[in-house]
Amino acid sequence: VTIKVGLGAASTGHSGIALQNFADRIEARTGGLVDVQCYHDSQLGTETEIAQGVALGTIEMAMPGMGTFATFYEKLQFANTPFLLDDREQSYAFYDGDFMTSLNEEITTATGVKVLCYGENGVRGLSNNTREVHAPADLKGLKIRVQENPLHLQMINLLGGSATPISFAELYTSLSQKTVDGQDNGIPLTVNNRFYEVQKYYTTLGHCIDQLALIANDDWFNSLDPTLQQILIEEGENWKWDIRQLSVDFDKSGIKTMEEAGCTVTQLTAEEQQAFKDLMGPAQETARGLVGSEFFDEVLAAVAQASTDAEASPSSISH
């Protein structure tokens, strides 16, 4: 059995390493009878094209980010709501919980794409070339590159910045030429793409705990031998915890890399972060409009439950 797995990110990043570990474990467990072919760096197309390939059955598996995956099932747009989740432990409980399990079944029925699980793609922050950011007022007038996503655009504008959509491929050049003052990405992406070389300041804003979805074509998955299906499910669980730990580790090493290169890293206190959260009411209403009021209330209830679950049963991740 040959399994092609598509990934938009680089092989050297935390998601690339987690993908290779996933492939190695499956090949070891099957004695090499399963060949897992890892296609990093958008070798199979853009992230959207890769996910579409899984839906069509031309690609067996992929690991799209939630921004991309939400284009396949619009209810997933809730994941872009700024400050929806408070911390990593709460995010683990939320994405592993009953609410998302039920939603995953809906997704499969509607799209033909099976979601095995979700793994962390990093906690987003902000970098810029002008000043340290400790409070919303520090963003006033700064042009910040964001994905072309209504919630990301609105967040920056609510904070007093000027949200500017630019393609990821053009971002390094845009930062170096000062077309924009800064960008919205997590530490791993900021370091792996060397954005810190053309940015003086980075702030751990924590406005989005981004996820990758581990997905498979459902018809293909159901055609497999049940033993292999079970191996993929079990190794998906291992991938999930592997990528979560790698994301934490990459944050720690990334902060050190940025600071050694002369980039000032500002780690916000809970009180400082709350000042940003307090301005996000209109963004929550936008999210409510995008996914439906009743469904958004269900999301908020699941978030509250995840907070309780995380406190009662913390993970074994070393933070």
Foldseek 3Di string as FASTA:
>chain_A
DEAEEEEQADCPFLLNVLLVVLQVVLCVVVVNPYHYHYHYNCPVHHLLVRVVCQLVVVHFKYWHWLVSVCVQPVLSLLQLQWPLAPDDLLVVLLQPDPVVVVVQVVSCVRRQKHFLGKAWPAQKWKFFAPDEDLALVVQAAFEEEDDPRVLVQVLSVLSRHHYDHDDPVCVLVCLQVPVGGMYIGGLRVCVVVVSLLSTQEIERLRGGRIIITIMGRNVVLVVDDVVSNVSSSVSVVVSRLSSRLSNVVSNVVSCVVSVVSNHYYHYHDPVSSVNSVVSSPVSLVVSCVRNPVVVSVVSSVSSVVSVVVCVVDPDPRDD
